[in-house]
Amino acid sequence: LSNKMKIICAGFPKTGTKSMAKALRLLGYTVNDFEEHLENIDEFLNFFDGEKDSTALMSLHRNIDAVVDQPACTMWHTFFQHYPDSKVILMERDSPEEWYASFVKMIERHEKLHK
């Protein structure tokens, strides 16, 4: 694999992932955020289900500068194994309670929109 990946964001949703993606794009980085990950969801699922190793999934990111949000953030270590020269950024909320409240609010909004 080429080693283009420069930044792996390990923060969970609701820790500033959208702001981070926007900032990285403004700085000229190519970024795969949640929406871009959905385009490759089958490869993520093949990896999670143990049907394939991480090589195929990582090759899809060979020309991407940065990844943020789910599902990439939960497998930051796998990305780092394939792209060891990249930097890992962990974004956090001020407290677990603050994160949880924000996450629940996001889920509730999603449920209302998709009833």
N, C-alpha and C. Protein backbone atom coordinates (compact mmCIF):
# COMPACT_ATOMS: atom_id res chain seq x y z
N LEU A 1 0.85 -1.20 0.00
CA LEU A 1 0.00 0.00 0.00
C LEU A 1 0.87 1.24 0.00
N SER A 2 0.39 2.25 -0.67
CA SER A 2 1.08 3.54 -0.60
C SER A 2 0.83 4.10 0.79
N ASN A 3 1.61 5.03 1.20
CA ASN A 3 1.46 5.57 2.54
C ASN A 3 0.95 6.99 2.51
N LYS A 4 -0.10 7.22 1.74
CA LYS A 4 -0.65 8.57 1.64
C LYS A 4 -1.38 8.99 2.92
N MET A 5 -2.02 8.05 3.61
CA MET A 5 -2.79 8.38 4.80
C MET A 5 -1.93 9.18 5.78
N LYS A 6 -2.39 10.36 6.11
CA LYS A 6 -1.64 11.24 7.00
C LYS A 6 -2.25 11.36 8.38
N ILE A 7 -3.60 11.29 8.45
CA ILE A 7 -4.28 11.53 9.71
C ILE A 7 -5.38 10.49 9.91
N ILE A 8 -5.38 9.89 11.08
CA ILE A 8 -6.43 8.95 11.49
C ILE A 8 -7.09 9.55 12.72
N CYS A 9 -8.35 9.90 12.60
CA CYS A 9 -9.07 10.48 13.73
C CYS A 9 -9.77 9.37 14.50
N ALA A 10 -9.41 9.23 15.76
CA ALA A 10 -9.92 8.14 16.58
C ALA A 10 -11.08 8.57 17.47
N GLY A 11 -11.59 9.79 17.30
CA GLY A 11 -12.70 10.25 18.12
C GLY A 11 -14.02 9.66 17.68
N PHE A 12 -14.84 9.27 18.65
CA PHE A 12 -16.17 8.76 18.37
C PHE A 12 -17.07 9.87 17.83
N PRO A 13 -18.22 9.49 17.25
CA PRO A 13 -19.18 10.51 16.84
C PRO A 13 -19.53 11.41 18.02
N LYS A 14 -19.82 12.66 17.73
CA LYS A 14 -20.17 13.67 18.73
C LYS A 14 -18.97 14.14 19.53
N THR A 15 -17.78 13.99 18.95
CA THR A 15 -16.57 14.53 19.58
C THR A 15 -15.90 15.56 18.67
N GLY A 16 -16.67 16.10 17.73
CA GLY A 16 -16.12 17.10 16.82
C GLY A 16 -15.68 16.53 15.49
N THR A 17 -16.22 15.37 15.12
CA THR A 17 -15.79 14.75 13.87
C THR A 17 -16.14 15.58 12.65
N LYS A 18 -17.33 16.16 12.62
CA LYS A 18 -17.72 16.99 11.47
C LYS A 18 -16.84 18.24 11.39
N SER A 19 -16.56 18.86 12.53
CA SER A 19 -15.68 20.04 12.55
C SER A 19 -14.27 19.67 12.12
N MET A 20 -13.79 18.52 12.58
CA MET A 20 -12.45 18.06 12.20
C MET A 20 -12.39 17.80 10.69
N ALA A 21 -13.40 17.12 10.15
CA ALA A 21 -13.43 16.83 8.71
C ALA A 21 -13.44 18.13 7.91
N LYS A 22 -14.25 19.09 8.35
CA LYS A 22 -14.33 20.37 7.66
C LYS A 22 -12.99 21.09 7.70
N ALA A 23 -12.35 21.12 8.85
CA ALA A 23 -11.05 21.79 9.00
C ALA A 23 -9.99 21.12 8.12
N LEU A 24 -9.97 19.81 8.12
CA LEU A 24 -8.98 19.09 7.30
C LEU A 24 -9.20 19.36 5.82
N ARG A 25 -10.46 19.40 5.41
CA ARG A 25 -10.75 19.70 3.99
C ARG A 25 -10.33 21.12 3.64
N LEU A 26 -10.57 22.07 4.56
CA LEU A 26 -10.14 23.45 4.32
C LEU A 26 -8.63 23.55 4.18
N LEU A 27 -7.92 22.66 4.86
CA LEU A 27 -6.45 22.62 4.77
C LEU A 27 -5.96 21.86 3.54
N GLY A 28 -6.90 21.33 2.75
CA GLY A 28 -6.53 20.67 1.50
C GLY A 28 -6.41 19.16 1.56
N TYR A 29 -6.76 18.57 2.68
CA TYR A 29 -6.70 17.11 2.80
C TYR A 29 -7.92 16.46 2.15
N THR A 30 -7.74 15.27 1.58
CA THR A 30 -8.89 14.47 1.17
C THR A 30 -9.31 13.67 2.39
N VAL A 31 -10.60 13.69 2.68
CA VAL A 31 -11.11 13.12 3.92
C VAL A 31 -12.25 12.15 3.63
N ASN A 32 -12.20 11.00 4.27
CA ASN A 32 -13.34 10.09 4.29
C ASN A 32 -14.00 10.21 5.65
N ASP A 33 -15.24 10.70 5.62
CA ASP A 33 -16.07 10.87 6.81
C ASP A 33 -17.14 9.77 6.77
N PHE A 34 -18.06 9.81 7.68
CA PHE A 34 -19.11 8.78 7.77
C PHE A 34 -19.78 8.53 6.42
N GLU A 35 -20.14 9.59 5.73
CA GLU A 35 -20.84 9.44 4.45
C GLU A 35 -20.01 8.70 3.42
N GLU A 36 -18.72 9.00 3.36
CA GLU A 36 -17.83 8.29 2.43
C GLU A 36 -17.63 6.84 2.86
N HIS A 37 -17.59 6.60 4.17
CA HIS A 37 -17.45 5.22 4.65
C HIS A 37 -18.64 4.37 4.21
N LEU A 38 -19.83 4.99 4.17
CA LEU A 38 -21.02 4.24 3.75
C LEU A 38 -20.88 3.72 2.32
N GLU A 39 -20.15 4.45 1.48
CA GLU A 39 -19.94 4.02 0.10
C GLU A 39 -19.15 2.70 0.05
N ASN A 40 -18.37 2.43 1.08
CA ASN A 40 -17.56 1.21 1.15
C ASN A 40 -18.01 0.28 2.27
N ILE A 41 -19.27 0.41 2.68
CA ILE A 41 -19.73 -0.34 3.85
C ILE A 41 -19.59 -1.84 3.69
N ASP A 42 -19.74 -2.35 2.47
CA ASP A 42 -19.60 -3.80 2.27
C ASP A 42 -18.20 -4.27 2.62
N GLU A 43 -17.19 -3.49 2.28
CA GLU A 43 -15.81 -3.88 2.63
C GLU A 43 -15.59 -3.83 4.15
N PHE A 44 -16.17 -2.82 4.80
CA PHE A 44 -16.09 -2.77 6.26
C PHE A 44 -16.76 -4.00 6.87
N LEU A 45 -17.95 -4.33 6.37
CA LEU A 45 -18.69 -5.48 6.90
C LEU A 45 -17.97 -6.79 6.64
N ASN A 46 -17.37 -6.94 5.46
CA ASN A 46 -16.58 -8.15 5.18
C ASN A 46 -15.44 -8.29 6.18
N PHE A 47 -14.80 -7.19 6.52
CA PHE A 47 -13.73 -7.22 7.51
C PHE A 47 -14.28 -7.56 8.89
N PHE A 48 -15.34 -6.86 9.31
CA PHE A 48 -15.92 -7.10 10.64
C PHE A 48 -16.44 -8.52 10.79
N ASP A 49 -16.98 -9.08 9.70
CA ASP A 49 -17.51 -10.44 9.74
C ASP A 49 -16.42 -11.50 9.63
N GLY A 50 -15.17 -11.07 9.42
CA GLY A 50 -14.07 -12.01 9.31
C GLY A 50 -13.98 -12.69 7.96
N GLU A 51 -14.74 -12.20 6.98
CA GLU A 51 -14.72 -12.80 5.65
C GLU A 51 -13.47 -12.41 4.86
N LYS A 52 -12.90 -11.25 5.19
CA LYS A 52 -11.68 -10.78 4.54
C LYS A 52 -10.78 -10.16 5.59
N ASP A 53 -9.48 -10.17 5.31
CA ASP A 53 -8.58 -9.46 6.20
C ASP A 53 -8.66 -7.97 5.85
N SER A 54 -7.90 -7.15 6.50
CA SER A 54 -8.02 -5.70 6.33
C SER A 54 -7.39 -5.16 5.05
N THR A 55 -6.67 -5.99 4.30
CA THR A 55 -5.95 -5.50 3.13
C THR A 55 -6.87 -4.85 2.09
N ALA A 56 -7.96 -5.49 1.74
CA ALA A 56 -8.88 -4.93 0.74
C ALA A 56 -9.48 -3.61 1.22
N LEU A 57 -9.88 -3.58 2.47
CA LEU A 57 -10.46 -2.37 3.03
C LEU A 57 -9.44 -1.23 3.05
N MET A 58 -8.24 -1.52 3.47
CA MET A 58 -7.21 -0.48 3.54
C MET A 58 -6.82 0.02 2.15
N SER A 59 -6.86 -0.87 1.16
CA SER A 59 -6.50 -0.43 -0.19
C SER A 59 -7.48 0.61 -0.72
N LEU A 60 -8.71 0.59 -0.24
CA LEU A 60 -9.70 1.60 -0.65
C LEU A 60 -9.34 3.00 -0.13
N HIS A 61 -8.46 3.04 0.85
CA HIS A 61 -8.08 4.32 1.47
C HIS A 61 -6.68 4.77 1.07
N ARG A 62 -6.07 4.10 0.12
CA ARG A 62 -4.68 4.40 -0.22
C ARG A 62 -4.47 5.80 -0.78
N ASN A 63 -5.52 6.41 -1.33
CA ASN A 63 -5.38 7.77 -1.86
C ASN A 63 -6.11 8.81 -1.02
N ILE A 64 -6.43 8.46 0.18
CA ILE A 64 -7.12 9.35 1.11
C ILE A 64 -6.11 9.86 2.13
N ASP A 65 -6.21 11.15 2.46
CA ASP A 65 -5.29 11.74 3.45
C ASP A 65 -5.72 11.50 4.88
N ALA A 66 -7.04 11.45 5.13
CA ALA A 66 -7.52 11.38 6.51
C ALA A 66 -8.85 10.63 6.60
N VAL A 67 -9.06 9.96 7.72
CA VAL A 67 -10.35 9.32 8.01
C VAL A 67 -10.87 9.83 9.35
N VAL A 68 -12.18 10.03 9.40
CA VAL A 68 -12.85 10.44 10.63
C VAL A 68 -14.17 9.68 10.77
N ASP A 69 -14.67 9.60 11.97
CA ASP A 69 -16.00 9.08 12.30
C ASP A 69 -16.09 7.57 12.10
N GLN A 70 -17.28 7.05 12.37
CA GLN A 70 -17.54 5.62 12.28
C GLN A 70 -17.54 5.16 10.84
N PRO A 71 -17.18 3.96 10.55
CA PRO A 71 -16.62 2.96 11.45
C PRO A 71 -15.10 3.05 11.60
N ALA A 72 -14.48 3.98 10.88
CA ALA A 72 -13.01 4.05 10.91
C ALA A 72 -12.46 4.37 12.29
N CYS A 73 -13.16 5.20 13.05
CA CYS A 73 -12.61 5.61 14.35
C CYS A 73 -12.48 4.44 15.32
N THR A 74 -13.36 3.45 15.20
CA THR A 74 -13.27 2.32 16.12
C THR A 74 -12.20 1.31 15.71
N MET A 75 -11.69 1.48 14.51
CA MET A 75 -10.63 0.58 14.05
C MET A 75 -9.37 1.36 13.70
N TRP A 76 -9.15 2.44 14.45
CA TRP A 76 -8.00 3.31 14.19
C TRP A 76 -6.70 2.52 14.21
N HIS A 77 -6.60 1.53 15.09
CA HIS A 77 -5.35 0.77 15.21
C HIS A 77 -5.09 -0.04 13.93
N THR A 78 -6.12 -0.56 13.31
CA THR A 78 -5.96 -1.29 12.04
C THR A 78 -5.45 -0.34 10.97
N PHE A 79 -6.03 0.86 10.89
CA PHE A 79 -5.54 1.85 9.94
C PHE A 79 -4.07 2.17 10.23
N PHE A 80 -3.75 2.35 11.50
CA PHE A 80 -2.38 2.71 11.87
C PHE A 80 -1.39 1.60 11.53
N GLN A 81 -1.81 0.35 11.65
CA GLN A 81 -0.93 -0.76 11.26
C GLN A 81 -0.58 -0.71 9.78
N HIS A 82 -1.54 -0.29 8.96
CA HIS A 82 -1.31 -0.20 7.52
C HIS A 82 -0.63 1.10 7.11
N TYR A 83 -0.83 2.14 7.90
CA TYR A 83 -0.29 3.47 7.60
C TYR A 83 0.47 3.99 8.83
N PRO A 84 1.60 3.37 9.17
CA PRO A 84 2.30 3.68 10.43
C PRO A 84 2.92 5.08 10.50
N ASP A 85 3.06 5.77 9.37
CA ASP A 85 3.60 7.12 9.41
C ASP A 85 2.53 8.19 9.64
N SER A 86 1.28 7.77 9.68
CA SER A 86 0.20 8.74 9.89
C SER A 86 0.13 9.15 11.36
N LYS A 87 -0.53 10.26 11.59
CA LYS A 87 -0.75 10.77 12.95
C LYS A 87 -2.15 10.37 13.38
N VAL A 88 -2.28 9.99 14.65
CA VAL A 88 -3.58 9.64 15.20
C VAL A 88 -4.03 10.78 16.11
N ILE A 89 -5.25 11.27 15.85
CA ILE A 89 -5.82 12.34 16.66
C ILE A 89 -7.02 11.78 17.40
N LEU A 90 -6.99 11.88 18.72
CA LEU A 90 -8.12 11.45 19.55
C LEU A 90 -8.89 12.69 19.98
N MET A 91 -10.12 12.80 19.51
CA MET A 91 -10.99 13.90 19.94
C MET A 91 -11.88 13.37 21.05
N GLU A 92 -12.09 14.19 22.09
CA GLU A 92 -12.93 13.81 23.22
C GLU A 92 -13.86 14.94 23.60
N ARG A 93 -14.93 14.61 24.29
CA ARG A 93 -15.79 15.61 24.91
C ARG A 93 -15.23 15.91 26.29
N ASP A 94 -15.77 16.93 26.95
CA ASP A 94 -15.27 17.30 28.28
C ASP A 94 -15.53 16.23 29.32
N SER A 95 -16.58 15.45 29.13
CA SER A 95 -16.88 14.38 30.09
C SER A 95 -17.67 13.28 29.38
N PRO A 96 -17.64 12.09 29.95
CA PRO A 96 -18.45 11.01 29.36
C PRO A 96 -19.95 11.35 29.38
N GLU A 97 -20.39 12.05 30.41
CA GLU A 97 -21.80 12.42 30.52
C GLU A 97 -22.20 13.39 29.40
N GLU A 98 -21.32 14.34 29.11
CA GLU A 98 -21.58 15.29 28.03
C GLU A 98 -21.64 14.56 26.69
N TRP A 99 -20.72 13.64 26.47
CA TRP A 99 -20.73 12.88 25.23
C TRP A 99 -22.02 12.07 25.12
N TYR A 100 -22.38 11.38 26.18
CA TYR A 100 -23.57 10.53 26.17
C TYR A 100 -24.83 11.35 25.87
N ALA A 101 -24.97 12.49 26.51
CA ALA A 101 -26.15 13.35 26.29
C ALA A 101 -26.22 13.78 24.83
N SER A 102 -25.10 14.15 24.25
CA SER A 102 -25.05 14.57 22.86
C SER A 102 -25.36 13.41 21.92
N PHE A 103 -24.84 12.24 22.23
CA PHE A 103 -25.06 11.06 21.40
C PHE A 103 -26.54 10.66 21.42
N VAL A 104 -27.15 10.67 22.60
CA VAL A 104 -28.56 10.32 22.73
C VAL A 104 -29.42 11.31 21.94
N LYS A 105 -29.08 12.58 22.03
CA LYS A 105 -29.81 13.60 21.27
C LYS A 105 -29.74 13.33 19.76
N MET A 106 -28.56 12.94 19.29
CA MET A 106 -28.39 12.62 17.87
C MET A 106 -29.26 11.43 17.48
N ILE A 107 -29.29 10.40 18.30
CA ILE A 107 -30.10 9.21 18.01
C ILE A 107 -31.58 9.57 18.01
N GLU A 108 -32.01 10.38 18.97
CA GLU A 108 -33.42 10.78 19.03
C GLU A 108 -33.81 11.58 17.79
N ARG A 109 -32.93 12.49 17.34
CA ARG A 109 -33.20 13.25 16.11
C ARG A 109 -33.32 12.31 14.92
N HIS A 110 -32.43 11.34 14.85
CA HIS A 110 -32.45 10.37 13.76
C HIS A 110 -33.76 9.58 13.77
N GLU A 111 -34.17 9.14 14.96
CA GLU A 111 -35.42 8.37 15.06
C GLU A 111 -36.62 9.19 14.61
N LYS A 112 -36.67 10.47 14.98
CA LYS A 112 -37.79 11.33 14.57
C LYS A 112 -37.81 11.53 13.06
N LEU A 113 -36.65 11.67 12.47
CA LEU A 113 -36.57 11.87 11.01
C LEU A 113 -36.93 10.63 10.21
N HIS A 114 -36.73 9.47 10.80
CA HIS A 114 -36.89 8.21 10.04
C HIS A 114 -38.02 7.34 10.56
N LYS A 115 -39.08 7.97 11.08
CA LYS A 115 -40.25 7.20 11.53
C LYS A 115 -41.11 6.84 10.36
